[in-house]
C-alpha atoms as a PDB file:
ATOM      1  CA  MET A   1       0.000   0.000   0.000  1.00  0.00           C
ATOM      2  CA  LYS A   2       1.314   3.429  -0.947  1.00  0.00           C
ATOM      3  CA  THR A   3       1.907   6.118   1.657  1.00  0.00           C
ATOM      4  CA  ILE A   4       0.575   9.673   1.481  1.00  0.00           C
ATOM      5  CA  GLU A   5       4.105  10.833   0.594  1.00  0.00           C
ATOM      6  CA  GLU A   6       4.167   8.509  -2.408  1.00  0.00           C
ATOM      7  CA  TYR A   7       0.872   9.944  -3.617  1.00  0.00           C
ATOM      8  CA  MET A   8       2.226  13.474  -3.078  1.00  0.00           C
ATOM      9  CA  ASN A   9       5.112  12.618  -5.434  1.00  0.00           C
ATOM     10  CA  ASP A  10       2.761  11.438  -8.204  1.00  0.00           C
ATOM     11  CA  PRO A  11       3.368  13.628 -11.301  1.00  0.00           C
ATOM     12  CA  ASP A  12      -0.363  14.408 -11.661  1.00  0.00           C
ATOM     13  CA  ILE A  13      -0.537  15.638  -8.073  1.00  0.00           C
ATOM     14  CA  GLN A  14       2.773  17.509  -8.230  1.00  0.00           C
ATOM     15  CA  ALA A  15       1.375  19.579 -11.104  1.00  0.00           C
ATOM     16  CA  MET A  16      -1.457  20.840  -8.865  1.00  0.00           C
ATOM     17  CA  PRO A  17      -1.337  24.010  -6.788  1.00  0.00           C
ATOM     18  CA  GLU A  18       0.222  23.432  -3.357  1.00  0.00           C
ATOM     19  CA  TYR A  19      -3.046  23.923  -1.464  1.00  0.00           C
ATOM     20  CA  LEU A  20      -4.681  21.055  -3.416  1.00  0.00           C
ATOM     21  CA  ARG A  21      -1.866  18.514  -3.414  1.00  0.00           C
ATOM     22  CA  GLU A  22      -2.410  17.014   0.038  1.00  0.00           C
ATOM     23  CA  ILE A  23      -6.182  16.891  -0.423  1.00  0.00           C
ATOM     24  CA  HIS A  24      -5.931  14.980  -3.693  1.00  0.00           C
ATOM     25  CA  ALA A  25      -3.194  12.696  -2.363  1.00  0.00           C
ATOM     26  CA  ALA A  26      -5.392  11.786   0.635  1.00  0.00           C
ATOM     27  CA  ARG A  27      -8.411  11.270  -1.637  1.00  0.00           C
ATOM     28  CA  ARG A  28      -6.461   8.850  -3.840  1.00  0.00           C
ATOM     29  CA  LEU A  29      -5.081   6.998  -0.824  1.00  0.00           C
ATOM     30  CA  ILE A  30      -8.586   6.468   0.589  1.00  0.00           C
ATOM     31  CA  GLN A  31      -9.945   5.531  -2.834  1.00  0.00           C
ATOM     32  CA  ASP A  32      -7.238   2.888  -3.295  1.00  0.00           C
ATOM     33  CA  GLU A  33      -7.690   1.510   0.235  1.00  0.00           C
ATOM     34  CA  THR A  34     -11.466   1.163  -0.108  1.00  0.00           C
ATOM     35  CA  VAL A  35     -11.748  -0.137  -3.685  1.00  0.00           C
ATOM     36  CA  GLY A  36     -13.963  -3.219  -3.818  1.00  0.00           C
ATOM     37  CA  MET A  37     -15.362  -2.751  -0.301  1.00  0.00           C
ATOM     38  CA  SER A  38     -19.065  -3.035   0.397  1.00  0.00           C
ATOM     39  CA  ALA A  39     -20.818  -0.015   1.890  1.00  0.00           C
ATOM     40  CA  GLU A  40     -20.692  -1.648   5.341  1.00  0.00           C
ATOM     41  CA  GLU A  41     -16.973  -2.415   5.032  1.00  0.00           C
ATOM     42  CA  GLU A  42     -16.224   1.117   3.893  1.00  0.00           C
ATOM     43  CA  ALA A  43     -18.248   2.575   6.784  1.00  0.00           C
ATOM     44  CA  GLU A  44     -16.266   0.398   9.217  1.00  0.00           C
ATOM     45  CA  TYR A  45     -13.000   1.529   7.564  1.00  0.00           C
ATOM     46  CA  HIS A  46     -13.926   5.207   8.086  1.00  0.00           C
ATOM     47  CA  ARG A  47     -15.037   4.568  11.699  1.00  0.00           C
ATOM     48  CA  LYS A  48     -11.721   2.867  12.438  1.00  0.00           C
ATOM     49  CA  LYS A  49      -9.712   5.717  10.872  1.00  0.00           C
ATOM     50  CA  THR A  50     -11.777   8.281  12.798  1.00  0.00           C
ATOM     51  CA  ASP A  51     -11.264   6.398  16.066  1.00  0.00           C
ATOM     52  CA  GLU A  52      -7.493   6.270  15.407  1.00  0.00           C
ATOM     53  CA  LEU A  53      -7.430  10.024  14.742  1.00  0.00           C
ATOM     54  CA  PHE A  54      -9.343  10.800  17.954  1.00  0.00           C
ATOM     55  CA  VAL A  55      -6.952   8.609  19.974  1.00  0.00           C
ATOM     56  CA  SER A  56      -3.909  10.276  18.391  1.00  0.00           C
ATOM     57  CA  LEU A  57      -5.312  13.710  19.331  1.00  0.00           C
ATOM     58  CA  GLY A  58      -6.209  12.613  22.865  1.00  0.00           C
ATOM     59  CA  LEU A  59      -9.925  13.202  22.302  1.00  0.00           C
ATOM     60  CA  PRO A  60     -12.792  11.070  23.645  1.00  0.00           C
ATOM     61  CA  GLN A  61     -14.101   8.452  21.238  1.00  0.00           C
ATOM     62  CA  PRO A  62     -16.937   9.685  18.995  1.00  0.00           C
ATOM     63  CA  GLN A  63     -20.398   8.203  19.475  1.00  0.00           C
ATOM     64  CA  TYR A  64     -21.950   6.615  16.389  1.00  0.00           C
ATOM     65  CA  VAL A  65     -25.621   6.169  15.502  1.00  0.00           C
ATOM     66  CA  ASP A  66     -26.729   3.058  13.618  1.00  0.00           C
ATOM     67  CA  PHE A  67     -29.777   3.618  11.444  1.00  0.00           C
ATOM     68  CA  SER A  68     -29.539   0.268   9.676  1.00  0.00           C
ATOM     69  CA  GLY A  69     -32.787  -1.603   9.241  1.00  0.00           C
ATOM     70  CA  GLN A  70     -34.932   1.440   9.956  1.00  0.00           C
ATOM     71  CA  GLY A  71     -35.795   2.383   6.384  1.00  0.00           C
ATOM     72  CA  HIS A  72     -35.795   6.116   5.937  1.00  0.00           C
ATOM     73  CA  LEU A  73     -35.742   8.830   8.569  1.00  0.00           C
ATOM     74  CA  GLU A  74     -39.048  10.417   9.483  1.00  0.00           C
ATOM     75  CA  PRO A  75     -39.236  14.222   9.466  1.00  0.00           C
ATOM     76  CA  HIS A  76     -39.554  15.797  12.891  1.00  0.00           C
ATOM     77  CA  GLU A  77     -42.923  17.457  13.354  1.00  0.00           C
ATOM     78  CA  THR A  78     -42.771  20.996  14.679  1.00  0.00           C
ATOM     79  CA  THR A  79     -45.858  22.822  15.853  1.00  0.00           C
ATOM     80  CA  LEU A  80     -45.840  26.506  15.053  1.00  0.00           C
ATOM     81  CA  SER A  81     -48.271  28.912  16.597  1.00  0.00           C
ATOM     82  CA  ALA A  82     -49.121  32.451  15.643  1.00  0.00           C
ATOM     83  CA  GLY A  83     -48.643  35.217  18.133  1.00  0.00           C
ATOM     84  CA  LYS A  84     -46.329  35.670  21.069  1.00  0.00           C
ATOM     85  CA  PRO A  85     -44.862  32.694  22.882  1.00  0.00           C
ATOM     86  CA  ALA A  86     -46.421  31.962  26.267  1.00  0.00           C
END
């Protein structure tokens, strides 16, 4: 597997403006690492990478919500009333 530095040295990426090089190198790295993964595998990959980043920064682990098997999300109903609030 290539490192981010190897992607940064790619001729296509080196021709880009400096502020875009790291972004495109990271995008290609992630694309290559996740090719052929199912949606569930890719989601797990991103969770693992996020958890590793939080640990490296000394932050508490993020909390994840699992909406699998619930179909689509229902809109939240909000009741609006005319006039001044009570």
